[in-house]
Amino acid sequence: VRTEFLYWLCTDPEACNRIHAKGIRIAGAKITGELDFEGAVLPHPLALVGCTIPDGIILVDARTRRLNLSGSRTGRIFADGLKTTSDVFLCNIHAEGEVRLLGADIGGQLGCTGAILKNPKGYALNADRLKTTDSVFLQNGFHAEGEVRLLGADIGGNLECTGATLKNPEGNALSADRLKITGSVFLHN
């Protein structure tokens, strides 16, 4: 699937009028080129499940209802200022490069259960000032090579890191200064 086609399908008013309310769901596809939704408004949920997106994804200042990239293999993900009205699922993804959610506003949970994030010389997950209305799940096989940052994040539920592996031989594995959590923090196993 070419990124230009996917962009058109997600943002063109005529195309959007023909999309089912459940949104766009693509499974097992190879997406060619960098998927650039910077500043875009995606009126429907987007699910790219088990896809290969080697050139990465840009969602800087994008707006959407729900985002699901579960099971996909991707390059970097830049989603600074992303705003969703529901959940963001990055479960079981394999990302080579930084996953960045600086100042993102997620109207639900951030699910990264089983995700593998590799950026050993930098940030694996950079979510400074992230805001969620529900929990953040970095658990059950979540593996980060590089720093996980949650500086000034505001989590509206739990931060669950049960069964996670955080590695950063060059510095901090987890930085969470000024983190605000409505629920509990689980850092065991």
C-alpha atoms as a PDB file:
ATOM      1  CA  VAL A   1       0.000   0.000   0.000  1.00  0.00           C
ATOM      2  CA  ARG A   2       1.485   3.335  -1.030  1.00  0.00           C
ATOM      3  CA  THR A   3       1.500   6.037   1.655  1.00  0.00           C
ATOM      4  CA  GLU A   4      -0.023   8.558  -0.758  1.00  0.00           C
ATOM      5  CA  PHE A   5      -3.069   6.318  -1.245  1.00  0.00           C
ATOM      6  CA  LEU A   6      -3.469   5.740   2.493  1.00  0.00           C
ATOM      7  CA  TYR A   7      -3.193   9.489   3.175  1.00  0.00           C
ATOM      8  CA  TRP A   8      -5.864  10.208   0.540  1.00  0.00           C
ATOM      9  CA  LEU A   9      -8.143   7.483   1.917  1.00  0.00           C
ATOM     10  CA  CYS A  10      -7.851   8.838   5.482  1.00  0.00           C
ATOM     11  CA  THR A  11      -8.147  12.559   4.787  1.00  0.00           C
ATOM     12  CA  ASP A  12      -9.978  13.265   1.511  1.00  0.00           C
ATOM     13  CA  PRO A  13     -13.549  14.434   2.300  1.00  0.00           C
ATOM     14  CA  GLU A  14     -15.120  12.409  -0.545  1.00  0.00           C
ATOM     15  CA  ALA A  15     -13.221   9.257   0.430  1.00  0.00           C
ATOM     16  CA  CYS A  16     -14.040   9.765   4.130  1.00  0.00           C
ATOM     17  CA  ASN A  17     -17.757   9.964   3.329  1.00  0.00           C
ATOM     18  CA  ARG A  18     -17.587   6.406   1.951  1.00  0.00           C
ATOM     19  CA  ILE A  19     -15.757   4.871   4.928  1.00  0.00           C
ATOM     20  CA  HIS A  20     -17.712   2.790   7.426  1.00  0.00           C
ATOM     21  CA  ALA A  21     -18.052   4.283  10.921  1.00  0.00           C
ATOM     22  CA  LYS A  22     -15.716   1.535  12.228  1.00  0.00           C
ATOM     23  CA  GLY A  23     -12.927   3.226  10.289  1.00  0.00           C
ATOM     24  CA  ILE A  24     -10.063   1.971   8.187  1.00  0.00           C
ATOM     25  CA  ARG A  25      -8.621  -1.447   9.040  1.00  0.00           C
ATOM     26  CA  ILE A  26      -5.647  -2.845   7.158  1.00  0.00           C
ATOM     27  CA  ALA A  27      -3.949  -6.052   8.237  1.00  0.00           C
ATOM     28  CA  GLY A  28      -0.667  -7.601   7.118  1.00  0.00           C
ATOM     29  CA  ALA A  29       0.181  -5.006   4.470  1.00  0.00           C
ATOM     30  CA  LYS A  30       3.542  -3.502   3.584  1.00  0.00           C
ATOM     31  CA  ILE A  31       3.249   0.279   3.585  1.00  0.00           C
ATOM     32  CA  THR A  32       5.817   1.809   1.227  1.00  0.00           C
ATOM     33  CA  GLY A  33       7.295   5.191   2.051  1.00  0.00           C
ATOM     34  CA  GLU A  34       7.108   7.283   5.202  1.00  0.00           C
ATOM     35  CA  LEU A  35       3.521   7.491   6.452  1.00  0.00           C
ATOM     36  CA  ASP A  36       3.190  11.244   7.026  1.00  0.00           C
ATOM     37  CA  PHE A  37      -0.027  12.442   8.682  1.00  0.00           C
ATOM     38  CA  GLU A  38       1.508  15.602  10.164  1.00  0.00           C
ATOM     39  CA  GLY A  39      -1.294  18.064  10.976  1.00  0.00           C
ATOM     40  CA  ALA A  40      -3.921  15.803   9.392  1.00  0.00           C
ATOM     41  CA  VAL A  41      -7.439  15.234  10.695  1.00  0.00           C
ATOM     42  CA  LEU A  42      -8.470  11.586  10.421  1.00  0.00           C
ATOM     43  CA  PRO A  43     -12.218  11.533  11.156  1.00  0.00           C
ATOM     44  CA  HIS A  44     -12.349   7.731  11.417  1.00  0.00           C
ATOM     45  CA  PRO A  45     -10.390   5.249  13.566  1.00  0.00           C
ATOM     46  CA  LEU A  46      -7.244   3.916  11.880  1.00  0.00           C
ATOM     47  CA  ALA A  47      -5.994   0.361  12.434  1.00  0.00           C
ATOM     48  CA  LEU A  48      -2.817  -0.858  10.734  1.00  0.00           C
ATOM     49  CA  VAL A  49      -2.497  -4.260  12.373  1.00  0.00           C
ATOM     50  CA  GLY A  50       0.431  -6.562  11.657  1.00  0.00           C
ATOM     51  CA  CYS A  51       1.697  -4.234   8.947  1.00  0.00           C
ATOM     52  CA  THR A  52       5.255  -3.428   7.908  1.00  0.00           C
ATOM     53  CA  ILE A  53       6.014   0.300   7.838  1.00  0.00           C
ATOM     54  CA  PRO A  54       9.829   0.403   7.558  1.00  0.00           C
ATOM     55  CA  ASP A  55      10.148   4.134   6.844  1.00  0.00           C
ATOM     56  CA  GLY A  56       8.213   5.115   9.956  1.00  0.00           C
ATOM     57  CA  ILE A  57       5.171   7.150  10.840  1.00  0.00           C
ATOM     58  CA  ILE A  58       4.672  10.871  11.457  1.00  0.00           C
ATOM     59  CA  LEU A  59       1.547  11.895  13.375  1.00  0.00           C
ATOM     60  CA  VAL A  60       2.774  15.255  14.672  1.00  0.00           C
ATOM     61  CA  ASP A  61      -0.240  17.444  15.552  1.00  0.00           C
ATOM     62  CA  ALA A  62      -2.612  14.916  13.944  1.00  0.00           C
ATOM     63  CA  ARG A  63      -6.176  14.400  15.194  1.00  0.00           C
ATOM     64  CA  THR A  64      -8.077  11.124  15.154  1.00  0.00           C
ATOM     65  CA  ARG A  65     -10.566   9.043  17.113  1.00  0.00           C
ATOM     66  CA  ARG A  66      -8.559   5.850  17.746  1.00  0.00           C
ATOM     67  CA  LEU A  67      -5.186   4.575  16.531  1.00  0.00           C
ATOM     68  CA  ASN A  68      -4.191   0.904  16.475  1.00  0.00           C
ATOM     69  CA  LEU A  69      -0.759  -0.154  15.204  1.00  0.00           C
ATOM     70  CA  SER A  70      -0.696  -3.455  17.105  1.00  0.00           C
ATOM     71  CA  GLY A  71       1.599  -6.159  15.793  1.00  0.00           C
ATOM     72  CA  SER A  72       3.233  -3.899  13.220  1.00  0.00           C
ATOM     73  CA  ARG A  73       6.939  -3.507  12.475  1.00  0.00           C
ATOM     74  CA  THR A  74       7.956   0.069  11.927  1.00  0.00           C
ATOM     75  CA  GLY A  75      10.729   2.593  11.950  1.00  0.00           C
ATOM     76  CA  ARG A  76      10.453   5.649  14.171  1.00  0.00           C
ATOM     77  CA  ILE A  77       7.093   7.024  15.224  1.00  0.00           C
ATOM     78  CA  PHE A  78       6.870  10.784  15.770  1.00  0.00           C
ATOM     79  CA  ALA A  79       3.503  11.771  17.262  1.00  0.00           C
ATOM     80  CA  ASP A  80       4.219  15.009  19.115  1.00  0.00           C
ATOM     81  CA  GLY A  81       0.938  16.782  19.882  1.00  0.00           C
ATOM     82  CA  LEU A  82      -1.196  13.862  18.651  1.00  0.00           C
ATOM     83  CA  LYS A  83      -4.765  14.172  19.926  1.00  0.00           C
ATOM     84  CA  THR A  84      -7.183  11.248  20.056  1.00  0.00           C
ATOM     85  CA  THR A  85     -10.660  10.927  21.513  1.00  0.00           C
ATOM     86  CA  SER A  86     -10.063   7.264  22.347  1.00  0.00           C
ATOM     87  CA  ASP A  87      -7.257   4.721  22.781  1.00  0.00           C
ATOM     88  CA  VAL A  88      -3.849   4.365  21.151  1.00  0.00           C
ATOM     89  CA  PHE A  89      -2.699   0.757  20.792  1.00  0.00           C
ATOM     90  CA  LEU A  90       0.961  -0.007  20.127  1.00  0.00           C
ATOM     91  CA  CYS A  91       0.680  -3.552  21.491  1.00  0.00           C
ATOM     92  CA  ASN A  92       3.232  -6.050  20.195  1.00  0.00           C
ATOM     93  CA  ILE A  93       4.774  -3.550  17.798  1.00  0.00           C
ATOM     94  CA  HIS A  94       8.441  -3.698  16.922  1.00  0.00           C
ATOM     95  CA  ALA A  95       9.789  -0.174  16.431  1.00  0.00           C
ATOM     96  CA  GLU A  96      13.347   0.534  15.304  1.00  0.00           C
ATOM     97  CA  GLY A  97      13.955   4.132  16.312  1.00  0.00           C
ATOM     98  CA  GLU A  98      12.381   6.551  18.736  1.00  0.00           C
ATOM     99  CA  VAL A  99       8.677   6.366  19.572  1.00  0.00           C
ATOM    100  CA  ARG A 100       7.853   9.971  20.446  1.00  0.00           C
ATOM    101  CA  LEU A 101       4.595  11.182  21.979  1.00  0.00           C
ATOM    102  CA  LEU A 102       5.683  14.586  23.313  1.00  0.00           C
ATOM    103  CA  GLY A 103       2.626  16.459  24.568  1.00  0.00           C
ATOM    104  CA  ALA A 104       0.223  13.899  23.083  1.00  0.00           C
ATOM    105  CA  ASP A 105      -3.341  13.988  24.447  1.00  0.00           C
ATOM    106  CA  ILE A 106      -4.904  10.521  24.419  1.00  0.00           C
ATOM    107  CA  GLY A 107      -8.593  10.310  25.323  1.00  0.00           C
ATOM    108  CA  GLY A 108      -8.246   6.756  26.610  1.00  0.00           C
ATOM    109  CA  GLN A 109      -5.401   4.345  27.289  1.00  0.00           C
ATOM    110  CA  LEU A 110      -1.942   4.033  25.789  1.00  0.00           C
ATOM    111  CA  GLY A 111      -1.465   0.301  25.305  1.00  0.00           C
ATOM    112  CA  CYS A 112       2.096  -0.882  24.658  1.00  0.00           C
ATOM    113  CA  THR A 113       1.713  -4.419  26.019  1.00  0.00           C
ATOM    114  CA  GLY A 114       4.355  -6.704  24.494  1.00  0.00           C
ATOM    115  CA  ALA A 115       5.914  -3.892  22.424  1.00  0.00           C
ATOM    116  CA  ILE A 116       9.602  -3.973  21.495  1.00  0.00           C
ATOM    117  CA  LEU A 117      11.062  -0.472  21.172  1.00  0.00           C
ATOM    118  CA  LYS A 118      14.706  -0.228  20.092  1.00  0.00           C
ATOM    119  CA  ASN A 119      16.712   2.971  20.088  1.00  0.00           C
ATOM    120  CA  PRO A 120      19.744   2.002  22.212  1.00  0.00           C
ATOM    121  CA  LYS A 121      21.625   5.288  21.777  1.00  0.00           C
ATOM    122  CA  GLY A 122      18.648   7.526  22.562  1.00  0.00           C
ATOM    123  CA  TYR A 123      15.038   7.433  23.689  1.00  0.00           C
ATOM    124  CA  ALA A 124      13.053   4.260  23.113  1.00  0.00           C
ATOM    125  CA  LEU A 125       9.823   5.938  24.287  1.00  0.00           C
ATOM    126  CA  ASN A 126       9.767   9.696  24.736  1.00  0.00           C
ATOM    127  CA  ALA A 127       6.407  10.700  26.208  1.00  0.00           C
ATOM    128  CA  ASP A 128       7.204  13.904  28.085  1.00  0.00           C
ATOM    129  CA  ARG A 129       3.999  15.810  28.948  1.00  0.00           C
ATOM    130  CA  LEU A 130       1.833  12.938  27.680  1.00  0.00           C
ATOM    131  CA  LYS A 131      -1.747  13.133  28.915  1.00  0.00           C
ATOM    132  CA  THR A 132      -4.098  10.134  29.026  1.00  0.00           C
ATOM    133  CA  THR A 133      -7.575   9.783  30.493  1.00  0.00           C
ATOM    134  CA  ASP A 134      -6.896   6.110  31.266  1.00  0.00           C
ATOM    135  CA  SER A 135      -3.933   3.850  32.048  1.00  0.00           C
ATOM    136  CA  VAL A 136      -0.558   3.402  30.345  1.00  0.00           C
ATOM    137  CA  PHE A 137       0.392  -0.246  29.803  1.00  0.00           C
ATOM    138  CA  LEU A 138       4.111  -1.020  29.370  1.00  0.00           C
ATOM    139  CA  GLN A 139       3.781  -4.638  30.454  1.00  0.00           C
ATOM    140  CA  ASN A 140       3.754  -8.353  29.636  1.00  0.00           C
ATOM    141  CA  GLY A 141       6.885  -8.506  27.519  1.00  0.00           C
ATOM    142  CA  PHE A 142       7.266  -4.781  26.889  1.00  0.00           C
ATOM    143  CA  HIS A 143      10.960  -4.355  26.048  1.00  0.00           C
ATOM    144  CA  ALA A 144      12.725  -1.020  25.672  1.00  0.00           C
ATOM    145  CA  GLU A 145      16.347  -0.570  24.589  1.00  0.00           C
ATOM    146  CA  GLY A 146      17.007   3.087  25.287  1.00  0.00           C
ATOM    147  CA  GLU A 147      15.477   5.477  27.778  1.00  0.00           C
ATOM    148  CA  VAL A 148      11.750   5.515  28.564  1.00  0.00           C
ATOM    149  CA  ARG A 149      10.778   9.110  29.425  1.00  0.00           C
ATOM    150  CA  LEU A 150       7.570  10.220  31.081  1.00  0.00           C
ATOM    151  CA  LEU A 151       8.674  13.642  32.352  1.00  0.00           C
ATOM    152  CA  GLY A 152       5.667  15.696  33.407  1.00  0.00           C
ATOM    153  CA  ALA A 153       3.214  13.099  32.067  1.00  0.00           C
ATOM    154  CA  ASP A 154      -0.344  13.075  33.426  1.00  0.00           C
ATOM    155  CA  ILE A 155      -1.802   9.559  33.452  1.00  0.00           C
ATOM    156  CA  GLY A 156      -5.503   9.271  34.264  1.00  0.00           C
ATOM    157  CA  GLY A 157      -5.259   5.671  35.466  1.00  0.00           C
ATOM    158  CA  ASN A 158      -2.416   3.279  36.319  1.00  0.00           C
ATOM    159  CA  LEU A 159       1.134   3.019  35.028  1.00  0.00           C
ATOM    160  CA  GLU A 160       1.545  -0.734  34.632  1.00  0.00           C
ATOM    161  CA  CYS A 161       5.022  -2.101  33.937  1.00  0.00           C
ATOM    162  CA  THR A 162       4.563  -5.660  35.205  1.00  0.00           C
ATOM    163  CA  GLY A 163       6.857  -8.025  33.309  1.00  0.00           C
ATOM    164  CA  ALA A 164       8.628  -5.214  31.432  1.00  0.00           C
ATOM    165  CA  THR A 165      12.320  -4.999  30.557  1.00  0.00           C
ATOM    166  CA  LEU A 166      13.857  -1.520  30.450  1.00  0.00           C
ATOM    167  CA  LYS A 167      17.508  -1.341  29.328  1.00  0.00           C
ATOM    168  CA  ASN A 168      19.716   1.677  28.846  1.00  0.00           C
ATOM    169  CA  PRO A 169      23.412   1.025  29.508  1.00  0.00           C
ATOM    170  CA  GLU A 170      24.212   4.651  28.570  1.00  0.00           C
ATOM    171  CA  GLY A 171      21.957   6.268  31.193  1.00  0.00           C
ATOM    172  CA  ASN A 172      18.535   6.135  32.843  1.00  0.00           C
ATOM    173  CA  ALA A 173      16.224   3.316  31.853  1.00  0.00           C
ATOM    174  CA  LEU A 174      13.144   5.161  33.189  1.00  0.00           C
ATOM    175  CA  SER A 175      12.835   8.899  33.790  1.00  0.00           C
ATOM    176  CA  ALA A 176       9.565  10.105  35.278  1.00  0.00           C
ATOM    177  CA  ASP A 177      10.213  13.410  37.064  1.00  0.00           C
ATOM    178  CA  ARG A 178       6.996  15.315  37.842  1.00  0.00           C
ATOM    179  CA  LEU A 179       4.874  12.339  36.743  1.00  0.00           C
ATOM    180  CA  LYS A 180       1.252  12.607  37.876  1.00  0.00           C
ATOM    181  CA  ILE A 181      -0.821   9.437  38.155  1.00  0.00           C
ATOM    182  CA  THR A 182      -4.458   9.136  39.181  1.00  0.00           C
ATOM    183  CA  GLY A 183      -4.158   5.383  39.918  1.00  0.00           C
ATOM    184  CA  SER A 184      -1.219   3.207  40.945  1.00  0.00           C
ATOM    185  CA  VAL A 185       2.255   2.397  39.651  1.00  0.00           C
ATOM    186  CA  PHE A 186       3.240  -1.248  39.153  1.00  0.00           C
ATOM    187  CA  LEU A 187       6.965  -1.896  38.576  1.00  0.00           C
ATOM    188  CA  HIS A 188       7.398  -5.579  39.382  1.00  0.00           C
ATOM    189  CA  ASN A 189       8.633  -8.730  37.645  1.00  0.00           C
END
